[in-house]
Amino acid sequence: MSRAKERLSNVKCNNAKPAKHKKTGALIAARYADGGGLYLHVSATGKKRWVYVWTKTDLSGNRKRHEAGLGSFGKRDVTLEMARDKAAKYREMIRQGKNPIAERRHEEKIPTFGECVDRFYADKVEYKVLPDGKTSGLKSEKSRRQFRMTMEVYAKSLSDIPVDKITRDDILKVLRPIWDTKRETASRTQQRIERIISYATAYGWREGPNPAKWVKGLDNILAARPTAKEQKNHPALDYKEMPEFMAKLRAIDTITARCLEYIILTVARSKQGRTARFCDIDQENIWNVPAPDMKGGIDFTVPLSSRAIEIVDHCRDLPPSELLFPNPNSRKMLSENATRVLLIKMGFGHVTTHGFRATYRTYASAETSFSREIIEWSMAHKVGDSAEQAYIRQTAHDKRRALMQAWSDYCAGKQSGEIVRLHG
């Protein structure tokens, strides 16, 4: 290939952008020719990959156009020089009468969908701390476990299929049985399959459109996906029912019950309550929740109400453990389903542990005069700019403690109850 035909440069590749539709102005895919059948394909969303294009005359004398992906463009993927080398090898195969795609499949084993899942998990899902201190992957262990579960349970039928052979019918066989009964789970399964197939395409393991694509694809076949609001809302208890609920909860003599009560009174998330340690509670009865246990990855403090302090003090008399609420048998952290099972046994299976945060939010807005900023900050939600957040951190403990006490008193029916004795 002559240098004159090498029209692209690294600068041109880096600056390449999608095209605009002449009539609507909408972004559409564009291709930039390097010459000799090599193109840089830029999708409407800006993703870049290499494509080699050639024509071949069939037995009937008709010329047919063929395409082969050469991988994603980038310093860590396929560079311009690497793409030119691959294109040169393809041209030589064609000159010899060979099919480049068939030859590549013969030389390198196309992974199955299951193998792609494993590779994708290692590259994009598994949580890693990088040399520069930044992190990669999903921080939440629960999210990583859910990813694995949907792929191993719901997408199991795809596992042994070579990733380049997966069709839309294969995808629909996975999704149809759960689409109407487990819509949120099915939607997440679809999104994960779509990402894995895109990952395989970027590596050059398959060609053509993504059969799991939702927009202008599966959205024309399946019912609408759940909205963001439907996905995020957790079933909550009406705050007016809290005094009656808390009376029933306090009457239950187990560690799980005390853990759930503590979570509700501190407006914490489930994992934060289950991982709470005695060493994180200071002499001023402020619970210092460490950054790794926070959704936002930033240290947070919770002023404890009198009832929460009673729970902490009583837990100190239990068999030794660094945790406030250890499993009575293993002395390790309670399982994430422990409070859920308790709610079901209590006859409140229609609500979730996380939903009590919404119950608290509604109560605080409807029944107290505390400012929105104090209410939001008590839930570890970001409020205002960095200066305002610093101010709230430094000056609002008294107001937040008063709010936590008001919530505790309300839950107790405005009466202080005695803590129940725990066994084991």
Protein backbone atom coordinates (compact mmCIF):
# COMPACT_ATOMS: atom_id res chain seq x y z
CA MET A 1 0.00 0.00 0.00
CA SER A 2 1.48 3.35 -0.99
CA ARG A 3 1.82 6.18 1.46
CA ALA A 4 -0.38 8.31 -0.84
CA LYS A 5 -3.32 6.10 -0.03
CA GLU A 6 -2.87 6.51 3.72
CA ARG A 7 -5.25 9.43 4.08
CA LEU A 8 -5.80 9.29 7.84
CA SER A 9 -3.50 10.42 10.63
CA ASN A 10 -3.68 9.93 14.39
CA VAL A 11 -4.90 13.52 14.73
CA LYS A 12 -7.66 12.98 12.15
CA CYS A 13 -8.70 9.77 13.89
CA ASN A 14 -8.83 11.44 17.29
CA ASN A 15 -10.88 14.34 15.90
CA ALA A 16 -13.25 12.20 13.81
CA LYS A 17 -16.90 12.82 14.67
CA PRO A 18 -20.31 11.47 13.61
CA ALA A 19 -22.00 13.08 10.62
CA LYS A 20 -25.24 15.09 10.63
CA HIS A 21 -28.36 14.14 8.72
CA LYS A 22 -28.87 16.70 5.93
CA LYS A 23 -32.59 17.15 6.65
CA THR A 24 -33.04 16.58 10.36
CA GLY A 25 -29.62 17.54 11.67
CA ALA A 26 -29.54 14.39 13.82
CA LEU A 27 -26.20 12.72 14.40
CA ILE A 28 -25.60 9.66 12.23
CA ALA A 29 -22.71 7.24 11.73
CA ALA A 30 -19.83 8.35 9.53
CA ARG A 31 -16.91 6.58 7.87
CA TYR A 32 -13.47 8.01 7.19
CA ALA A 33 -11.46 6.28 4.46
CA ASP A 34 -7.78 5.55 4.85
CA GLY A 35 -7.60 3.91 1.44
CA GLY A 36 -7.31 0.33 0.26
CA GLY A 37 -10.62 -0.67 1.89
CA LEU A 38 -9.75 0.50 5.43
CA TYR A 39 -12.26 2.78 7.16
CA LEU A 40 -12.63 4.36 10.59
CA HIS A 41 -16.32 3.96 11.51
CA VAL A 42 -17.70 6.53 13.97
CA SER A 43 -21.13 5.71 15.39
CA ALA A 44 -23.82 8.29 16.12
CA THR A 45 -22.74 8.18 19.77
CA GLY A 46 -19.08 8.79 18.90
CA LYS A 47 -17.72 5.26 19.36
CA LYS A 48 -14.96 4.43 16.90
CA ARG A 49 -13.98 1.13 15.30
CA TRP A 50 -12.02 -0.08 12.30
CA VAL A 51 -13.75 -1.69 9.34
CA TYR A 52 -12.21 -3.37 6.30
CA VAL A 53 -14.44 -3.44 3.20
CA TRP A 54 -13.98 -5.46 0.01
CA THR A 55 -16.05 -6.82 -2.86
CA LYS A 56 -16.05 -10.31 -4.28
CA THR A 57 -17.61 -11.75 -7.41
CA ASP A 58 -19.80 -14.79 -6.75
CA LEU A 59 -20.41 -17.76 -9.06
CA SER A 60 -23.23 -15.88 -10.82
CA GLY A 61 -20.95 -13.00 -11.70
CA ASN A 62 -22.50 -10.64 -9.18
CA ARG A 63 -20.22 -8.48 -7.05
CA LYS A 64 -21.02 -8.64 -3.35
CA ARG A 65 -19.80 -6.26 -0.69
CA HIS A 66 -18.22 -7.69 2.47
CA GLU A 67 -17.13 -6.09 5.74
CA ALA A 68 -14.88 -7.22 8.57
CA GLY A 69 -14.38 -5.47 11.87
CA LEU A 70 -10.78 -4.93 12.96
CA GLY A 71 -11.50 -3.76 16.52
CA SER A 72 -12.09 -0.50 18.40
CA PHE A 73 -9.89 2.51 17.75
CA GLY A 74 -7.70 3.75 20.58
CA LYS A 75 -4.28 3.65 22.18
CA ARG A 76 -5.32 0.68 24.30
CA ASP A 77 -7.19 -1.01 21.45
CA VAL A 78 -6.32 -0.93 17.73
CA THR A 79 -4.17 2.00 16.64
CA LEU A 80 -4.02 3.39 13.12
CA GLU A 81 -0.80 1.51 12.35
CA MET A 82 -2.21 -1.74 13.74
CA ALA A 83 -5.36 -1.33 11.63
CA ARG A 84 -3.23 -0.80 8.49
CA ASP A 85 -1.26 -3.95 9.23
CA LYS A 86 -4.47 -5.96 9.66
CA ALA A 87 -5.92 -4.51 6.45
CA ALA A 88 -2.75 -5.45 4.55
CA LYS A 89 -3.05 -9.05 5.75
CA TYR A 90 -6.70 -9.13 4.67
CA ARG A 91 -5.83 -7.80 1.21
CA GLU A 92 -3.21 -10.54 0.81
CA MET A 93 -5.75 -13.21 1.81
CA ILE A 94 -8.23 -11.88 -0.74
CA ARG A 95 -5.51 -11.84 -3.43
CA GLN A 96 -4.97 -15.54 -2.68
CA GLY A 97 -8.70 -16.21 -3.01
CA LYS A 98 -9.28 -16.67 0.69
CA ASN A 99 -12.09 -15.27 2.89
CA PRO A 100 -10.51 -13.09 5.63
CA ILE A 101 -13.38 -13.65 8.07
CA ALA A 102 -13.27 -17.43 7.66
CA GLU A 103 -9.48 -17.39 7.97
CA ARG A 104 -9.62 -15.35 11.14
CA ARG A 105 -12.16 -17.67 12.69
CA HIS A 106 -9.93 -20.57 11.81
CA GLU A 107 -6.87 -18.91 13.35
CA GLU A 108 -8.47 -17.64 16.50
CA LYS A 109 -11.29 -19.28 18.40
CA ILE A 110 -14.38 -17.08 18.59
CA PRO A 111 -15.43 -17.10 22.26
CA THR A 112 -18.84 -18.23 23.40
CA PHE A 113 -21.21 -15.76 25.02
CA GLY A 114 -20.35 -17.27 28.39
CA GLU A 115 -16.65 -16.68 27.79
CA CYS A 116 -17.40 -13.11 26.77
CA VAL A 117 -19.33 -12.65 30.02
CA ASP A 118 -16.26 -13.75 31.98
CA ARG A 119 -13.96 -11.41 30.06
CA PHE A 120 -16.39 -8.49 30.28
CA TYR A 121 -16.79 -9.07 34.02
CA ALA A 122 -13.01 -9.01 34.55
CA ASP A 123 -12.58 -5.85 32.44
CA LYS A 124 -15.66 -3.78 33.29
CA VAL A 125 -17.50 -5.16 36.34
CA GLU A 126 -14.93 -6.50 38.80
CA TYR A 127 -13.97 -3.83 41.35
CA LYS A 128 -10.28 -2.88 41.18
CA VAL A 129 -8.09 -0.19 42.71
CA LEU A 130 -5.77 1.10 39.99
CA PRO A 131 -2.11 2.12 40.50
CA ASP A 132 -3.04 5.82 40.45
CA GLY A 133 -5.52 5.31 43.30
CA LYS A 134 -8.61 5.54 41.10
CA THR A 135 -11.05 2.66 40.92
CA SER A 136 -12.57 0.61 38.13
CA GLY A 137 -15.66 -1.58 37.97
CA LEU A 138 -18.74 -1.71 40.20
CA LYS A 139 -18.11 -0.77 43.81
CA SER A 140 -21.25 -2.47 45.09
CA GLU A 141 -20.82 -6.17 45.81
CA LYS A 142 -24.57 -6.55 45.43
CA SER A 143 -24.48 -5.05 41.92
CA ARG A 144 -21.63 -7.35 40.91
CA ARG A 145 -23.51 -10.36 42.26
CA GLN A 146 -26.71 -9.32 40.45
CA PHE A 147 -24.78 -8.99 37.19
CA ARG A 148 -23.49 -12.53 37.55
CA MET A 149 -26.89 -13.88 38.56
CA THR A 150 -28.77 -12.44 35.56
CA MET A 151 -26.16 -13.82 33.17
CA GLU A 152 -25.93 -17.27 34.77
CA VAL A 153 -29.66 -17.75 35.45
CA TYR A 154 -31.69 -15.78 32.90
CA ALA A 155 -29.16 -15.69 30.02
CA LYS A 156 -27.99 -19.26 30.57
CA SER A 157 -29.29 -20.43 27.18
CA LEU A 158 -26.80 -18.08 25.46
CA SER A 159 -23.80 -19.35 27.37
CA ASP A 160 -22.54 -21.98 24.93
CA ILE A 161 -23.38 -20.13 21.70
CA PRO A 162 -20.39 -18.59 19.86
CA VAL A 163 -20.84 -14.86 20.31
CA ASP A 164 -20.82 -14.26 16.54
CA LYS A 165 -23.75 -16.66 16.07
CA ILE A 166 -26.19 -15.06 18.53
CA THR A 167 -29.37 -13.80 16.85
CA ARG A 168 -32.32 -11.68 17.88
CA ASP A 169 -34.39 -14.84 18.26
CA ASP A 170 -31.85 -16.12 20.80
CA ILE A 171 -32.18 -12.87 22.76
CA LEU A 172 -35.97 -13.00 22.68
CA LYS A 173 -35.94 -16.57 24.03
CA VAL A 174 -34.14 -15.17 27.06
CA LEU A 175 -36.32 -12.11 27.57
CA ARG A 176 -39.87 -13.11 26.66
CA PRO A 177 -40.42 -15.54 29.60
CA ILE A 178 -39.56 -12.84 32.17
CA TRP A 179 -40.48 -9.61 30.41
CA ASP A 180 -44.03 -9.29 31.74
CA THR A 181 -43.50 -10.87 35.18
CA LYS A 182 -40.06 -9.53 36.12
CA ARG A 183 -39.88 -6.38 34.05
CA GLU A 184 -37.09 -4.61 35.95
CA THR A 185 -34.89 -7.71 36.10
CA ALA A 186 -35.61 -8.45 32.44
CA SER A 187 -34.71 -4.88 31.48
CA ARG A 188 -31.39 -5.09 33.30
CA THR A 189 -30.70 -8.46 31.69
CA GLN A 190 -31.31 -6.97 28.24
CA GLN A 191 -29.01 -4.02 28.93
CA ARG A 192 -26.22 -6.31 30.14
CA ILE A 193 -26.53 -8.62 27.13
CA GLU A 194 -26.43 -5.60 24.82
CA ARG A 195 -23.23 -4.33 26.46
CA ILE A 196 -21.54 -7.73 26.28
CA ILE A 197 -22.33 -8.13 22.58
CA SER A 198 -21.05 -4.59 21.93
CA TYR A 199 -17.91 -5.60 23.82
CA ALA A 200 -17.53 -8.64 21.55
CA THR A 201 -18.01 -6.47 18.46
CA ALA A 202 -15.33 -4.05 19.67
CA TYR A 203 -12.90 -6.97 19.90
CA GLY A 204 -13.78 -8.04 16.36
CA TRP A 205 -15.40 -11.31 17.44
CA ARG A 206 -18.64 -10.58 15.59
CA GLU A 207 -19.95 -8.35 12.81
CA GLY A 208 -23.14 -6.47 12.08
CA PRO A 209 -25.82 -4.86 14.26
CA ASN A 210 -26.29 -5.77 17.91
CA PRO A 211 -29.27 -8.20 18.18
CA ALA A 212 -29.87 -7.10 21.79
CA LYS A 213 -30.06 -3.40 20.88
CA TRP A 214 -33.05 -1.70 22.50
CA VAL A 215 -33.47 1.59 20.58
CA LYS A 216 -34.88 0.90 17.10
CA GLY A 217 -34.53 -2.78 17.86
CA LEU A 218 -36.15 -4.68 20.71
CA ASP A 219 -38.26 -1.64 21.61
CA ASN A 220 -40.29 -2.42 18.48
CA ILE A 221 -40.98 -5.96 19.73
CA LEU A 222 -41.25 -5.94 23.53
CA ALA A 223 -43.41 -3.81 25.82
CA ALA A 224 -41.87 -0.61 27.16
CA ARG A 225 -39.11 -0.91 29.74
CA PRO A 226 -39.88 0.31 33.28
CA THR A 227 -39.32 4.02 33.80
CA ALA A 228 -36.51 5.34 35.99
CA LYS A 229 -39.08 6.17 38.68
CA GLU A 230 -40.47 2.64 38.60
CA GLN A 231 -36.97 1.21 38.93
CA LYS A 232 -35.82 3.42 41.80
CA ASN A 233 -38.85 3.54 44.05
CA HIS A 234 -38.79 1.13 46.99
CA PRO A 235 -42.14 0.16 48.56
CA ALA A 236 -42.50 2.27 51.71
CA LEU A 237 -44.76 2.32 54.76
CA ASP A 238 -47.05 5.30 55.32
CA TYR A 239 -45.37 7.33 58.06
CA LYS A 240 -48.65 7.46 59.99
CA GLU A 241 -48.33 3.70 60.50
CA MET A 242 -44.85 3.96 62.02
CA PRO A 243 -45.82 4.07 65.74
CA GLU A 244 -47.82 0.85 65.41
CA PHE A 245 -45.11 -0.79 63.31
CA MET A 246 -42.32 0.18 65.72
CA ALA A 247 -44.27 -1.16 68.69
CA LYS A 248 -44.44 -4.54 66.96
CA LEU A 249 -40.77 -4.36 66.00
CA ARG A 250 -39.63 -3.53 69.55
CA ALA A 251 -41.56 -6.48 70.90
CA ILE A 252 -39.39 -8.87 68.85
CA ASP A 253 -36.42 -10.12 70.84
CA THR A 254 -33.73 -10.66 68.17
CA ILE A 255 -30.56 -8.99 66.93
CA THR A 256 -32.12 -8.61 63.48
CA ALA A 257 -35.01 -6.65 64.98
CA ARG A 258 -32.63 -4.30 66.76
CA CYS A 259 -30.60 -3.89 63.59
CA LEU A 260 -33.71 -2.96 61.60
CA GLU A 261 -34.81 -0.54 64.31
CA TYR A 262 -31.37 1.10 64.34
CA ILE A 263 -31.42 1.39 60.52
CA ILE A 264 -34.83 3.07 60.64
CA LEU A 265 -33.91 5.49 63.45
CA THR A 266 -30.65 6.54 61.78
CA VAL A 267 -32.19 6.67 58.28
CA ALA A 268 -29.33 4.45 57.11
CA ARG A 269 -29.09 2.06 54.22
CA SER A 270 -29.21 -1.65 55.01
CA LYS A 271 -25.51 -2.40 54.56
CA GLN A 272 -24.50 0.60 56.66
CA GLY A 273 -26.55 -0.71 59.57
CA ARG A 274 -25.36 -4.29 59.17
CA THR A 275 -21.69 -3.21 59.06
CA ALA A 276 -21.97 -0.70 61.94
CA ARG A 277 -19.10 -1.11 64.43
CA PHE A 278 -18.67 0.06 68.01
CA CYS A 279 -15.39 1.79 67.11
CA ASP A 280 -17.26 4.06 64.68
CA ILE A 281 -19.37 5.61 67.46
CA ASP A 282 -17.55 8.37 69.36
CA GLN A 283 -17.95 9.72 72.89
CA GLU A 284 -20.45 12.32 71.70
CA ASN A 285 -22.70 9.52 70.42
CA ILE A 286 -22.08 10.36 66.79
CA TRP A 287 -21.92 7.45 64.40
CA ASN A 288 -19.04 7.99 61.96
CA VAL A 289 -19.91 5.93 58.89
CA PRO A 290 -16.69 5.22 56.93
CA ALA A 291 -16.50 6.17 53.25
CA PRO A 292 -16.36 2.55 51.93
CA ASP A 293 -19.82 1.92 53.44
CA MET A 294 -21.33 5.07 51.91
CA LYS A 295 -23.00 5.12 48.50
CA GLY A 296 -21.15 8.31 47.60
CA GLY A 297 -17.81 7.08 48.93
CA ILE A 298 -17.47 9.98 51.41
CA ASP A 299 -17.30 9.76 55.23
CA PHE A 300 -20.62 10.61 56.88
CA THR A 301 -21.74 11.30 60.45
CA VAL A 302 -25.07 10.50 62.10
CA PRO A 303 -26.01 12.09 65.47
CA LEU A 304 -27.78 9.33 67.41
CA SER A 305 -31.14 9.78 69.09
CA SER A 306 -31.67 8.62 72.68
CA ARG A 307 -33.32 5.40 71.52
CA ALA A 308 -30.47 4.63 69.10
CA ILE A 309 -27.99 5.20 71.93
CA GLU A 310 -29.94 2.77 74.12
CA ILE A 311 -29.68 0.13 71.40
CA VAL A 312 -25.92 0.68 71.08
CA ASP A 313 -25.36 0.56 74.84
CA HIS A 314 -27.31 -2.64 75.22
CA CYS A 315 -25.50 -4.31 72.33
CA ARG A 316 -22.25 -3.78 74.23
CA ASP A 317 -23.45 -6.39 76.74
CA LEU A 318 -23.79 -9.09 74.08
CA PRO A 319 -21.03 -11.64 73.32
CA PRO A 320 -17.92 -9.80 72.02
CA SER A 321 -17.90 -8.62 68.42
CA GLU A 322 -16.69 -5.52 66.66
CA LEU A 323 -20.11 -5.34 64.98
CA LEU A 324 -23.17 -3.89 66.68
CA PHE A 325 -25.45 -6.49 65.11
CA PRO A 326 -23.52 -9.69 64.35
CA ASN A 327 -25.14 -12.93 63.31
CA PRO A 328 -25.83 -14.72 66.65
CA ASN A 329 -24.20 -17.92 65.38
CA SER A 330 -21.30 -16.89 63.15
CA ARG A 331 -20.70 -13.47 64.80
CA LYS A 332 -20.22 -12.14 61.26
CA MET A 333 -22.32 -9.56 59.42
CA LEU A 334 -26.03 -10.28 59.06
CA SER A 335 -27.09 -11.26 55.54
CA GLU A 336 -28.71 -8.64 53.35
CA ASN A 337 -31.96 -10.64 53.44
CA ALA A 338 -32.16 -10.80 57.23
CA THR A 339 -34.29 -7.68 57.68
CA ARG A 340 -36.35 -8.53 54.60
CA VAL A 341 -37.25 -11.93 56.06
CA LEU A 342 -38.14 -10.26 59.36
CA LEU A 343 -40.50 -7.83 57.61
CA ILE A 344 -42.25 -10.74 55.89
CA LYS A 345 -42.65 -12.60 59.20
CA MET A 346 -44.11 -9.44 60.74
CA GLY A 347 -46.71 -9.24 57.98
CA PHE A 348 -45.03 -6.26 56.28
CA GLY A 349 -43.69 -8.06 53.23
CA HIS A 350 -45.13 -5.30 51.03
CA VAL A 351 -42.43 -2.84 52.16
CA THR A 352 -38.63 -2.90 51.96
CA THR A 353 -35.90 -1.94 54.41
CA HIS A 354 -34.72 0.80 52.07
CA GLY A 355 -38.29 2.07 51.79
CA PHE A 356 -38.18 3.38 55.37
CA ARG A 357 -35.92 6.17 54.12
CA ALA A 358 -38.83 7.37 51.98
CA THR A 359 -41.14 7.02 54.99
CA TYR A 360 -38.79 9.23 57.01
CA ARG A 361 -38.48 11.78 54.18
CA THR A 362 -42.25 12.15 53.94
CA TYR A 363 -42.59 12.45 57.73
CA ALA A 364 -39.86 15.10 58.02
CA SER A 365 -41.40 17.24 55.28
CA ALA A 366 -44.99 16.88 56.45
CA GLU A 367 -44.63 16.94 60.24
CA THR A 368 -41.54 19.05 61.07
CA SER A 369 -40.31 22.57 60.43
CA PHE A 370 -36.73 21.55 59.68
CA SER A 371 -35.30 22.97 56.45
CA ARG A 372 -35.08 20.93 53.30
CA GLU A 373 -31.28 21.14 53.48
CA ILE A 374 -31.15 19.58 56.95
CA ILE A 375 -33.60 16.85 55.96
CA GLU A 376 -31.69 15.99 52.79
CA TRP A 377 -28.32 16.06 54.55
CA SER A 378 -29.63 13.74 57.27
CA MET A 379 -30.19 11.21 54.47
CA ALA A 380 -26.63 11.73 53.14
CA HIS A 381 -27.97 13.45 50.02
CA LYS A 382 -25.84 16.16 48.46
CA VAL A 383 -27.08 19.69 49.14
CA GLY A 384 -25.88 22.83 47.37
CA ASP A 385 -22.30 23.52 46.37
CA SER A 386 -19.13 22.44 48.17
CA ALA A 387 -19.14 25.50 50.46
CA GLU A 388 -22.72 24.83 51.58
CA GLN A 389 -21.95 21.15 52.12
CA ALA A 390 -18.95 22.06 54.29
CA TYR A 391 -21.11 24.44 56.32
CA ILE A 392 -23.73 21.77 56.95
CA ARG A 393 -21.07 19.28 57.98
CA GLN A 394 -19.53 21.70 60.46
CA THR A 395 -22.55 23.43 61.98
CA ALA A 396 -25.63 21.30 61.60
CA HIS A 397 -25.02 18.47 64.07
CA ASP A 398 -27.30 19.98 66.72
CA LYS A 399 -30.12 20.51 64.23
CA ARG A 400 -29.67 17.04 62.80
CA ARG A 401 -29.63 15.47 66.25
CA ALA A 402 -32.87 17.30 67.05
CA LEU A 403 -34.38 15.96 63.81
CA MET A 404 -33.23 12.40 64.59
CA GLN A 405 -34.73 12.72 68.09
CA ALA A 406 -38.02 14.01 66.68
CA TRP A 407 -38.14 11.04 64.30
CA SER A 408 -37.36 8.63 67.12
CA ASP A 409 -40.05 10.15 69.36
CA TYR A 410 -42.59 9.98 66.55
CA CYS A 411 -41.78 6.33 65.86
CA ALA A 412 -42.27 5.62 69.57
CA GLY A 413 -45.68 7.24 69.56
CA LYS A 414 -44.12 10.22 71.39
CA GLN A 415 -43.30 7.90 74.27
CA SER A 416 -39.92 6.46 75.12
CA GLY A 417 -40.01 2.70 75.15
CA GLU A 418 -37.73 0.38 77.09
CA ILE A 419 -35.28 -1.61 75.10
CA VAL A 420 -36.03 -5.30 74.96
CA ARG A 421 -33.49 -7.79 76.26
CA LEU A 422 -31.59 -9.81 73.69
CA HIS A 423 -30.49 -13.39 74.00
CA GLY A 424 -27.37 -14.76 72.31
